[in-house]
């Protein structure tokens, strides 16, 4: 076997074979990071759109209260008897008790 034939017999792996590890890493990132985050974001948007008067909620700042009025971007939260505070609708972290 001459040296030219031996050199051509040992070829570099194809482009597809070289890309497989990168594609696997991208798939892992998608299924472990991106997909769950998108799912959680959709659930949060649904929860915020379904807020109504009488729901007991927890805000991101740790304030617990009952919703008295719901507007497009704001809610009025009664945190104590007769004490109402206005919050941005996006400040609600979770609904503790639905009406």
PDB file of N, CA and C in Angstrom:
ATOM      1  N   UNK A   1       0.848  -1.170   0.000  1.00  0.00           N
ATOM      2  CA  UNK A   1       0.000   0.000   0.000  1.00  0.00           C
ATOM      3  C   UNK A   1       0.895   1.235   0.000  1.00  0.00           C
ATOM      4  N   UNK A   2       0.686   2.125  -0.928  1.00  0.00           N
ATOM      5  CA  UNK A   2       1.512   3.316  -0.993  1.00  0.00           C
ATOM      6  C   UNK A   2       0.982   4.379  -0.018  1.00  0.00           C
ATOM      7  N   UNK A   3       1.788   5.385   0.311  1.00  0.00           N
ATOM      8  CA  UNK A   3       1.406   6.385   1.326  1.00  0.00           C
ATOM      9  C   UNK A   3       0.156   7.188   0.953  1.00  0.00           C
ATOM     10  N   UNK A   4      -0.070   7.436  -0.317  1.00  0.00           N
ATOM     11  CA  UNK A   4      -1.259   8.201  -0.722  1.00  0.00           C
ATOM     12  C   UNK A   4      -2.528   7.416  -0.438  1.00  0.00           C
ATOM     13  N   UNK A   5      -2.519   6.143  -0.710  1.00  0.00           N
ATOM     14  CA  UNK A   5      -3.687   5.310  -0.468  1.00  0.00           C
ATOM     15  C   UNK A   5      -3.964   5.204   1.026  1.00  0.00           C
ATOM     16  N   UNK A   6      -2.930   5.098   1.837  1.00  0.00           N
ATOM     17  CA  UNK A   6      -3.089   5.001   3.281  1.00  0.00           C
ATOM     18  C   UNK A   6      -3.652   6.303   3.850  1.00  0.00           C
ATOM     19  N   UNK A   7      -3.263   7.434   3.308  1.00  0.00           N
ATOM     20  CA  UNK A   7      -3.743   8.728   3.784  1.00  0.00           C
ATOM     21  C   UNK A   7      -5.217   8.918   3.464  1.00  0.00           C
ATOM     22  N   UNK A   8      -5.634   8.453   2.313  1.00  0.00           N
ATOM     23  CA  UNK A   8      -7.044   8.609   1.954  1.00  0.00           C
ATOM     24  C   UNK A   8      -7.921   7.605   2.699  1.00  0.00           C
ATOM     25  N   UNK A   9      -7.359   6.486   3.148  1.00  0.00           N
ATOM     26  CA  UNK A   9      -8.135   5.493   3.878  1.00  0.00           C
ATOM     27  C   UNK A   9      -8.516   6.012   5.268  1.00  0.00           C
ATOM     28  N   UNK A  10      -7.670   6.832   5.882  1.00  0.00           N
ATOM     29  CA  UNK A  10      -7.966   7.417   7.191  1.00  0.00           C
ATOM     30  C   UNK A  10      -8.527   8.809   6.943  1.00  0.00           C
ATOM     31  N   UNK A  11      -9.837   8.896   6.876  1.00  0.00           N
ATOM     32  CA  UNK A  11     -10.478  10.178   6.601  1.00  0.00           C
ATOM     33  C   UNK A  11     -11.073  10.758   7.876  1.00  0.00           C
ATOM     34  N   UNK A  12     -11.314  12.040   7.824  1.00  0.00           N
ATOM     35  CA  UNK A  12     -11.970  12.725   8.939  1.00  0.00           C
ATOM     36  C   UNK A  12     -13.439  12.283   8.982  1.00  0.00           C
ATOM     37  N   UNK A  13     -14.010  12.219  10.178  1.00  0.00           N
ATOM     38  CA  UNK A  13     -15.428  11.878  10.258  1.00  0.00           C
ATOM     39  C   UNK A  13     -16.264  12.944   9.545  1.00  0.00           C
ATOM     40  N   UNK A  14     -17.419  12.551   9.083  1.00  0.00           N
ATOM     41  CA  UNK A  14     -18.278  13.466   8.337  1.00  0.00           C
ATOM     42  C   UNK A  14     -18.807  14.597   9.209  1.00  0.00           C
ATOM     43  N   UNK A  15     -19.334  15.599   8.553  1.00  0.00           N
ATOM     44  CA  UNK A  15     -19.871  16.774   9.248  1.00  0.00           C
ATOM     45  C   UNK A  15     -21.015  16.374  10.174  1.00  0.00           C
ATOM     46  N   UNK A  16     -21.852  15.478   9.750  1.00  0.00           N
ATOM     47  CA  UNK A  16     -22.986  15.047  10.565  1.00  0.00           C
ATOM     48  C   UNK A  16     -22.514  14.375  11.855  1.00  0.00           C
ATOM     49  N   UNK A  17     -21.502  13.548  11.759  1.00  0.00           N
ATOM     50  CA  UNK A  17     -20.966  12.864  12.934  1.00  0.00           C
ATOM     51  C   UNK A  17     -20.363  13.880  13.909  1.00  0.00           C
ATOM     52  N   UNK A  18     -19.748  14.924  13.398  1.00  0.00           N
ATOM     53  CA  UNK A  18     -19.172  15.953  14.259  1.00  0.00           C
ATOM     54  C   UNK A  18     -20.253  16.795  14.931  1.00  0.00           C
ATOM     55  N   UNK A  19     -21.416  16.939  14.303  1.00  0.00           N
ATOM     56  CA  UNK A  19     -22.494  17.770  14.832  1.00  0.00           C
ATOM     57  C   UNK A  19     -23.357  17.045  15.863  1.00  0.00           C
ATOM     58  N   UNK A  20     -23.292  15.726  15.925  1.00  0.00           N
ATOM     59  CA  UNK A  20     -24.146  14.951  16.830  1.00  0.00           C
ATOM     60  C   UNK A  20     -24.011  15.406  18.288  1.00  0.00           C
ATOM     61  N   UNK A  21     -22.813  15.580  18.844  1.00  0.00           N
ATOM     62  CA  UNK A  21     -22.728  16.035  20.245  1.00  0.00           C
ATOM     63  C   UNK A  21     -23.389  17.397  20.478  1.00  0.00           C
ATOM     64  N   UNK A  22     -23.231  18.306  19.536  1.00  0.00           N
ATOM     65  CA  UNK A  22     -23.846  19.629  19.681  1.00  0.00           C
ATOM     66  C   UNK A  22     -25.362  19.544  19.613  1.00  0.00           C
ATOM     67  N   UNK A  23     -25.873  18.696  18.727  1.00  0.00           N
ATOM     68  CA  UNK A  23     -27.322  18.511  18.627  1.00  0.00           C
ATOM     69  C   UNK A  23     -27.877  17.871  19.900  1.00  0.00           C
ATOM     70  N   UNK A  24     -27.141  16.947  20.479  1.00  0.00           N
ATOM     71  CA  UNK A  24     -27.580  16.318  21.723  1.00  0.00           C
ATOM     72  C   UNK A  24     -27.597  17.329  22.871  1.00  0.00           C
ATOM     73  N   UNK A  25     -26.601  18.178  22.948  1.00  0.00           N
ATOM     74  CA  UNK A  25     -26.554  19.215  23.981  1.00  0.00           C
ATOM     75  C   UNK A  25     -27.726  20.180  23.806  1.00  0.00           C
ATOM     76  N   UNK A  26     -28.017  20.563  22.565  1.00  0.00           N
ATOM     77  CA  UNK A  26     -29.144  21.452  22.301  1.00  0.00           C
ATOM     78  C   UNK A  26     -30.460  20.795  22.719  1.00  0.00           C
ATOM     79  N   UNK A  27     -30.623  19.515  22.447  1.00  0.00           N
ATOM     80  CA  UNK A  27     -31.845  18.799  22.839  1.00  0.00           C
ATOM     81  C   UNK A  27     -31.965  18.729  24.358  1.00  0.00           C
ATOM     82  N   UNK A  28     -30.864  18.488  25.034  1.00  0.00           N
ATOM     83  CA  UNK A  28     -30.884  18.429  26.504  1.00  0.00           C
ATOM     84  C   UNK A  28     -31.272  19.794  27.076  1.00  0.00           C
ATOM     85  N   UNK A  29     -30.692  20.865  26.558  1.00  0.00           N
ATOM     86  CA  UNK A  29     -31.053  22.206  27.014  1.00  0.00           C
ATOM     87  C   UNK A  29     -32.532  22.470  26.784  1.00  0.00           C
ATOM     88  N   UNK A  30     -33.042  22.069  25.630  1.00  0.00           N
ATOM     89  CA  UNK A  30     -34.452  22.304  25.326  1.00  0.00           C
ATOM     90  C   UNK A  30     -35.349  21.586  26.331  1.00  0.00           C
ATOM     91  N   UNK A  31     -35.112  20.312  26.562  1.00  0.00           N
ATOM     92  CA  UNK A  31     -35.996  19.532  27.419  1.00  0.00           C
ATOM     93  C   UNK A  31     -35.800  19.808  28.911  1.00  0.00           C
ATOM     94  N   UNK A  32     -34.617  20.239  29.323  1.00  0.00           N
ATOM     95  CA  UNK A  32     -34.382  20.494  30.735  1.00  0.00           C
ATOM     96  C   UNK A  32     -34.556  21.953  31.147  1.00  0.00           C
ATOM     97  N   UNK A  33     -34.387  22.891  30.223  1.00  0.00           N
ATOM     98  CA  UNK A  33     -34.456  24.300  30.585  1.00  0.00           C
ATOM     99  C   UNK A  33     -35.558  25.072  29.871  1.00  0.00           C
ATOM    100  N   UNK A  34     -35.571  25.045  28.568  1.00  0.00           N
ATOM    101  CA  UNK A  34     -36.463  25.907  27.800  1.00  0.00           C
ATOM    102  C   UNK A  34     -37.915  25.448  27.888  1.00  0.00           C
ATOM    103  N   UNK A  35     -38.177  24.190  27.679  1.00  0.00           N
ATOM    104  CA  UNK A  35     -39.550  23.676  27.671  1.00  0.00           C
ATOM    105  C   UNK A  35     -40.247  23.853  29.023  1.00  0.00           C
ATOM    106  N   UNK A  36     -39.607  23.485  30.148  1.00  0.00           N
ATOM    107  CA  UNK A  36     -40.278  23.699  31.431  1.00  0.00           C
ATOM    108  C   UNK A  36     -40.536  25.178  31.743  1.00  0.00           C
ATOM    109  N   UNK A  37     -39.613  26.045  31.339  1.00  0.00           N
ATOM    110  CA  UNK A  37     -39.795  27.469  31.580  1.00  0.00           C
ATOM    111  C   UNK A  37     -40.968  28.000  30.778  1.00  0.00           C
ATOM    112  N   UNK A  38     -41.107  27.593  29.520  1.00  0.00           N
ATOM    113  CA  UNK A  38     -42.241  28.019  28.705  1.00  0.00           C
ATOM    114  C   UNK A  38     -43.556  27.508  29.282  1.00  0.00           C
ATOM    115  N   UNK A  39     -43.554  26.273  29.765  1.00  0.00           N
ATOM    116  CA  UNK A  39     -44.760  25.695  30.364  1.00  0.00           C
ATOM    117  C   UNK A  39     -45.158  26.482  31.611  1.00  0.00           C
ATOM    118  N   UNK A  40     -44.194  26.805  32.461  1.00  0.00           N
ATOM    119  CA  UNK A  40     -44.481  27.561  33.672  1.00  0.00           C
ATOM    120  C   UNK A  40     -44.982  28.965  33.331  1.00  0.00           C
ATOM    121  N   UNK A  41     -44.418  29.584  32.309  1.00  0.00           N
ATOM    122  CA  UNK A  41     -44.837  30.911  31.902  1.00  0.00           C
ATOM    123  C   UNK A  41     -46.289  30.901  31.419  1.00  0.00           C
ATOM    124  N   UNK A  42     -46.670  29.867  30.658  1.00  0.00           N
ATOM    125  CA  UNK A  42     -48.054  29.753  30.197  1.00  0.00           C
ATOM    126  C   UNK A  42     -49.009  29.565  31.364  1.00  0.00           C
ATOM    127  N   UNK A  43     -48.622  28.749  32.346  1.00  0.00           N
ATOM    128  CA  UNK A  43     -49.465  28.532  33.520  1.00  0.00           C
ATOM    129  C   UNK A  43     -49.636  29.819  34.323  1.00  0.00           C
ATOM    130  N   UNK A  44     -48.573  30.599  34.451  1.00  0.00           N
ATOM    131  CA  UNK A  44     -48.637  31.865  35.179  1.00  0.00           C
ATOM    132  C   UNK A  44     -49.545  32.844  34.455  1.00  0.00           C
ATOM    133  N   UNK A  45     -49.416  32.937  33.131  1.00  0.00           N
ATOM    134  CA  UNK A  45     -50.277  33.828  32.357  1.00  0.00           C
ATOM    135  C   UNK A  45     -51.747  33.428  32.492  1.00  0.00           C
ATOM    136  N   UNK A  46     -52.008  32.133  32.474  1.00  0.00           N
ATOM    137  CA  UNK A  46     -53.388  31.650  32.631  1.00  0.00           C
ATOM    138  C   UNK A  46     -53.919  32.020  34.009  1.00  0.00           C
ATOM    139  N   UNK A  47     -53.112  31.821  35.055  1.00  0.00           N
ATOM    140  CA  UNK A  47     -53.521  32.146  36.414  1.00  0.00           C
ATOM    141  C   UNK A  47     -53.820  33.638  36.547  1.00  0.00           C
ATOM    142  N   UNK A  48     -52.963  34.483  35.967  1.00  0.00           N
ATOM    143  CA  UNK A  48     -53.173  35.927  36.050  1.00  0.00           C
ATOM    144  C   UNK A  48     -54.423  36.365  35.287  1.00  0.00           C
ATOM    145  N   UNK A  49     -54.717  35.723  34.186  1.00  0.00           N
ATOM    146  CA  UNK A  49     -55.900  36.104  33.409  1.00  0.00           C
ATOM    147  C   UNK A  49     -57.188  35.649  34.082  1.00  0.00           C
ATOM    148  N   UNK A  50     -57.111  34.643  34.962  1.00  0.00           N
ATOM    149  CA  UNK A  50     -58.303  34.117  35.627  1.00  0.00           C
ATOM    150  C   UNK A  50     -58.542  34.723  37.010  1.00  0.00           C
ATOM    151  N   UNK A  51     -57.746  35.734  37.406  1.00  0.00           N
ATOM    152  CA  UNK A  51     -57.953  36.367  38.706  1.00  0.00           C
ATOM    153  C   UNK A  51     -59.317  37.029  38.748  1.00  0.00           C
ATOM    154  N   UNK A  52     -59.986  36.881  39.904  1.00  0.00           N
ATOM    155  CA  UNK A  52     -61.289  37.533  40.063  1.00  0.00           C
ATOM    156  C   UNK A  52     -61.461  37.987  41.501  1.00  0.00           C
ATOM    157  N   UNK A  53     -62.410  38.849  41.694  1.00  0.00           N
ATOM    158  CA  UNK A  53     -62.695  39.381  43.009  1.00  0.00           C
ATOM    159  C   UNK A  53     -63.068  38.255  43.965  1.00  0.00           C
ATOM    160  N   UNK A  54     -62.496  38.293  45.160  1.00  0.00           N
ATOM    161  CA  UNK A  54     -62.767  37.274  46.167  1.00  0.00           C
ATOM    162  C   UNK A  54     -61.681  36.222  46.290  1.00  0.00           C
ATOM    163  N   UNK A  55     -60.774  36.141  45.322  1.00  0.00           N
ATOM    164  CA  UNK A  55     -59.672  35.174  45.393  1.00  0.00           C
ATOM    165  C   UNK A  55     -58.667  35.622  46.451  1.00  0.00           C
ATOM    166  N   UNK A  56     -58.170  34.675  47.229  1.00  0.00           N
ATOM    167  CA  UNK A  56     -57.103  34.962  48.192  1.00  0.00           C
ATOM    168  C   UNK A  56     -55.789  34.657  47.498  1.00  0.00           C
ATOM    169  N   UNK A  57     -54.882  35.642  47.472  1.00  0.00           N
ATOM    170  CA  UNK A  57     -53.646  35.504  46.707  1.00  0.00           C
ATOM    171  C   UNK A  57     -52.428  35.846  47.551  1.00  0.00           C
ATOM    172  N   UNK A  58     -51.287  35.382  47.075  1.00  0.00           N
ATOM    173  CA  UNK A  58     -49.983  35.701  47.639  1.00  0.00           C
ATOM    174  C   UNK A  58     -49.215  36.483  46.586  1.00  0.00           C
ATOM    175  N   UNK A  59     -48.688  37.654  46.984  1.00  0.00           N
ATOM    176  CA  UNK A  59     -47.915  38.448  46.029  1.00  0.00           C
ATOM    177  C   UNK A  59     -46.455  38.029  46.077  1.00  0.00           C
ATOM    178  N   UNK A  60     -45.686  38.475  45.113  1.00  0.00           N
ATOM    179  CA  UNK A  60     -44.261  38.145  45.061  1.00  0.00           C
ATOM    180  C   UNK A  60     -43.505  38.747  46.240  1.00  0.00           C
ATOM    181  N   UNK A  61     -44.044  39.782  46.828  1.00  0.00           N
ATOM    182  CA  UNK A  61     -43.415  40.412  47.982  1.00  0.00           C
ATOM    183  C   UNK A  61     -43.795  39.762  49.300  1.00  0.00           C
ATOM    184  N   UNK A  62     -44.664  38.745  49.256  1.00  0.00           N
ATOM    185  CA  UNK A  62     -45.044  38.032  50.460  1.00  0.00           C
ATOM    186  C   UNK A  62     -46.324  38.524  51.106  1.00  0.00           C
ATOM    187  N   UNK A  63     -47.022  39.443  50.465  1.00  0.00           N
ATOM    188  CA  UNK A  63     -48.261  39.987  51.001  1.00  0.00           C
ATOM    189  C   UNK A  63     -49.413  39.047  50.663  1.00  0.00           C
ATOM    190  N   UNK A  64     -50.229  38.707  51.660  1.00  0.00           N
ATOM    191  CA  UNK A  64     -51.384  37.844  51.449  1.00  0.00           C
ATOM    192  C   UNK A  64     -52.630  38.687  51.635  1.00  0.00           C
ATOM    193  N   UNK A  65     -53.578  38.539  50.728  1.00  0.00           N
ATOM    194  CA  UNK A  65     -54.818  39.296  50.844  1.00  0.00           C
ATOM    195  C   UNK A  65     -55.880  38.767  49.917  1.00  0.00           C
ATOM    196  N   UNK A  66     -57.050  39.395  50.004  1.00  0.00           N
ATOM    197  CA  UNK A  66     -58.199  39.015  49.184  1.00  0.00           C
ATOM    198  C   UNK A  66     -58.396  40.091  48.118  1.00  0.00           C
ATOM    199  N   UNK A  67     -58.584  39.676  46.894  1.00  0.00           N
ATOM    200  CA  UNK A  67     -58.786  40.612  45.789  1.00  0.00           C
ATOM    201  C   UNK A  67     -60.165  41.241  45.922  1.00  0.00           C
ATOM    202  N   UNK A  68     -60.208  42.576  45.887  1.00  0.00           N
ATOM    203  CA  UNK A  68     -61.473  43.302  45.954  1.00  0.00           C
ATOM    204  C   UNK A  68     -61.894  43.838  44.598  1.00  0.00           C
ATOM    205  N   UNK A  69     -60.922  44.200  43.766  1.00  0.00           N
ATOM    206  CA  UNK A  69     -61.243  44.741  42.443  1.00  0.00           C
ATOM    207  C   UNK A  69     -60.140  44.318  41.470  1.00  0.00           C
ATOM    208  N   UNK A  70     -60.548  43.921  40.274  1.00  0.00           N
ATOM    209  CA  UNK A  70     -59.596  43.504  39.239  1.00  0.00           C
ATOM    210  C   UNK A  70     -59.758  44.430  38.037  1.00  0.00           C
ATOM    211  N   UNK A  71     -58.654  45.045  37.649  1.00  0.00           N
ATOM    212  CA  UNK A  71     -58.638  45.861  36.436  1.00  0.00           C
ATOM    213  C   UNK A  71     -57.671  45.219  35.444  1.00  0.00           C
ATOM    214  N   UNK A  72     -57.480  45.842  34.310  1.00  0.00           N
ATOM    215  CA  UNK A  72     -56.656  45.241  33.258  1.00  0.00           C
ATOM    216  C   UNK A  72     -55.221  44.984  33.707  1.00  0.00           C
ATOM    217  N   UNK A  73     -54.604  45.963  34.356  1.00  0.00           N
ATOM    218  CA  UNK A  73     -53.199  45.796  34.749  1.00  0.00           C
ATOM    219  C   UNK A  73     -52.985  45.860  36.258  1.00  0.00           C
ATOM    220  N   UNK A  74     -54.026  46.138  37.025  1.00  0.00           N
ATOM    221  CA  UNK A  74     -53.891  46.286  38.466  1.00  0.00           C
ATOM    222  C   UNK A  74     -54.979  45.520  39.207  1.00  0.00           C
ATOM    223  N   UNK A  75     -54.699  45.249  40.491  1.00  0.00           N
ATOM    224  CA  UNK A  75     -55.715  44.663  41.368  1.00  0.00           C
ATOM    225  C   UNK A  75     -55.699  45.434  42.683  1.00  0.00           C
ATOM    226  N   UNK A  76     -56.867  45.513  43.334  1.00  0.00           N
ATOM    227  CA  UNK A  76     -56.954  46.058  44.679  1.00  0.00           C
ATOM    228  C   UNK A  76     -57.026  44.875  45.617  1.00  0.00           C
ATOM    229  N   UNK A  77     -56.104  44.848  46.566  1.00  0.00           N
ATOM    230  CA  UNK A  77     -55.980  43.724  47.486  1.00  0.00           C
ATOM    231  C   UNK A  77     -56.296  44.210  48.899  1.00  0.00           C
ATOM    232  N   UNK A  78     -57.216  43.530  49.573  1.00  0.00           N
ATOM    233  CA  UNK A  78     -57.515  43.864  50.961  1.00  0.00           C
ATOM    234  C   UNK A  78     -56.614  42.994  51.836  1.00  0.00           C
ATOM    235  N   UNK A  79     -55.651  43.641  52.488  1.00  0.00           N
ATOM    236  CA  UNK A  79     -54.675  42.893  53.283  1.00  0.00           C
ATOM    237  C   UNK A  79     -55.092  42.797  54.742  1.00  0.00           C
ATOM    238  N   UNK A  80     -55.987  43.660  55.153  1.00  0.00           N
ATOM    239  CA  UNK A  80     -56.555  43.641  56.492  1.00  0.00           C
ATOM    240  C   UNK A  80     -57.933  44.281  56.382  1.00  0.00           C
ATOM    241  N   UNK A  81     -58.745  44.132  57.393  1.00  0.00           N
ATOM    242  CA  UNK A  81     -60.099  44.679  57.335  1.00  0.00           C
ATOM    243  C   UNK A  81     -60.045  46.190  57.094  1.00  0.00           C
ATOM    244  N   UNK A  82     -60.561  46.609  55.944  1.00  0.00           N
ATOM    245  CA  UNK A  82     -60.600  48.024  55.603  1.00  0.00           C
ATOM    246  C   UNK A  82     -59.315  48.585  55.016  1.00  0.00           C
ATOM    247  N   UNK A  83     -58.274  47.783  54.871  1.00  0.00           N
ATOM    248  CA  UNK A  83     -56.999  48.256  54.313  1.00  0.00           C
ATOM    249  C   UNK A  83     -56.827  47.673  52.920  1.00  0.00           C
ATOM    250  N   UNK A  84     -56.939  48.546  51.909  1.00  0.00           N
ATOM    251  CA  UNK A  84     -56.798  48.107  50.518  1.00  0.00           C
ATOM    252  C   UNK A  84     -55.522  48.676  49.926  1.00  0.00           C
ATOM    253  N   UNK A  85     -54.825  47.839  49.193  1.00  0.00           N
ATOM    254  CA  UNK A  85     -53.575  48.226  48.554  1.00  0.00           C
ATOM    255  C   UNK A  85     -53.681  47.859  47.079  1.00  0.00           C
ATOM    256  N   UNK A  86     -53.167  48.718  46.216  1.00  0.00           N
ATOM    257  CA  UNK A  86     -53.183  48.457  44.779  1.00  0.00           C
ATOM    258  C   UNK A  86     -51.858  47.836  44.361  1.00  0.00           C
ATOM    259  N   UNK A  87     -51.955  46.731  43.637  1.00  0.00           N
ATOM    260  CA  UNK A  87     -50.779  46.021  43.132  1.00  0.00           C
ATOM    261  C   UNK A  87     -50.893  45.878  41.624  1.00  0.00           C
ATOM    262  N   UNK A  88     -49.758  45.750  40.968  1.00  0.00           N
ATOM    263  CA  UNK A  88     -49.762  45.361  39.559  1.00  0.00           C
ATOM    264  C   UNK A  88     -50.242  43.917  39.496  1.00  0.00           C
ATOM    265  N   UNK A  89     -50.980  43.601  38.485  1.00  0.00           N
ATOM    266  CA  UNK A  89     -51.522  42.247  38.343  1.00  0.00           C
ATOM    267  C   UNK A  89     -50.396  41.211  38.302  1.00  0.00           C
ATOM    268  N   UNK A  90     -49.278  41.575  37.728  1.00  0.00           N
ATOM    269  CA  UNK A  90     -48.145  40.648  37.613  1.00  0.00           C
ATOM    270  C   UNK A  90     -47.438  40.403  38.936  1.00  0.00           C
ATOM    271  N   UNK A  91     -47.803  41.154  39.988  1.00  0.00           N
ATOM    272  CA  UNK A  91     -47.197  40.958  41.300  1.00  0.00           C
ATOM    273  C   UNK A  91     -47.757  39.728  42.004  1.00  0.00           C
ATOM    274  N   UNK A  92     -48.837  39.165  41.488  1.00  0.00           N
ATOM    275  CA  UNK A  92     -49.435  37.987  42.116  1.00  0.00           C
ATOM    276  C   UNK A  92     -48.589  36.765  41.784  1.00  0.00           C
ATOM    277  N   UNK A  93     -48.174  36.046  42.821  1.00  0.00           N
ATOM    278  CA  UNK A  93     -47.362  34.849  42.636  1.00  0.00           C
ATOM    279  C   UNK A  93     -48.227  33.605  42.535  1.00  0.00           C
ATOM    280  N   UNK A  94     -49.232  33.508  43.399  1.00  0.00           N
ATOM    281  CA  UNK A  94     -50.090  32.326  43.340  1.00  0.00           C
ATOM    282  C   UNK A  94     -51.438  32.629  43.982  1.00  0.00           C
ATOM    283  N   UNK A  95     -52.432  31.881  43.566  1.00  0.00           N
ATOM    284  CA  UNK A  95     -53.759  31.959  44.158  1.00  0.00           C
ATOM    285  C   UNK A  95     -53.802  30.921  45.268  1.00  0.00           C
ATOM    286  N   UNK A  96     -54.065  31.372  46.490  1.00  0.00           N
ATOM    287  CA  UNK A  96     -54.102  30.462  47.635  1.00  0.00           C
ATOM    288  C   UNK A  96     -55.458  29.792  47.726  1.00  0.00           C
ATOM    289  N   UNK A  97     -56.517  30.595  47.543  1.00  0.00           N
ATOM    290  CA  UNK A  97     -57.874  30.064  47.644  1.00  0.00           C
ATOM    291  C   UNK A  97     -58.753  30.778  46.642  1.00  0.00           C
ATOM    292  N   UNK A  98     -59.400  29.988  45.781  1.00  0.00           N
ATOM    293  CA  UNK A  98     -60.304  30.568  44.795  1.00  0.00           C
ATOM    294  C   UNK A  98     -61.650  30.854  45.438  1.00  0.00           C
ATOM    295  N   UNK A  99     -62.318  31.827  44.908  1.00  0.00           N
ATOM    296  CA  UNK A  99     -63.655  32.185  45.381  1.00  0.00           C
ATOM    297  C   UNK A  99     -64.667  31.174  44.959  1.00  0.00           C
TER     298      UNK A  99
END
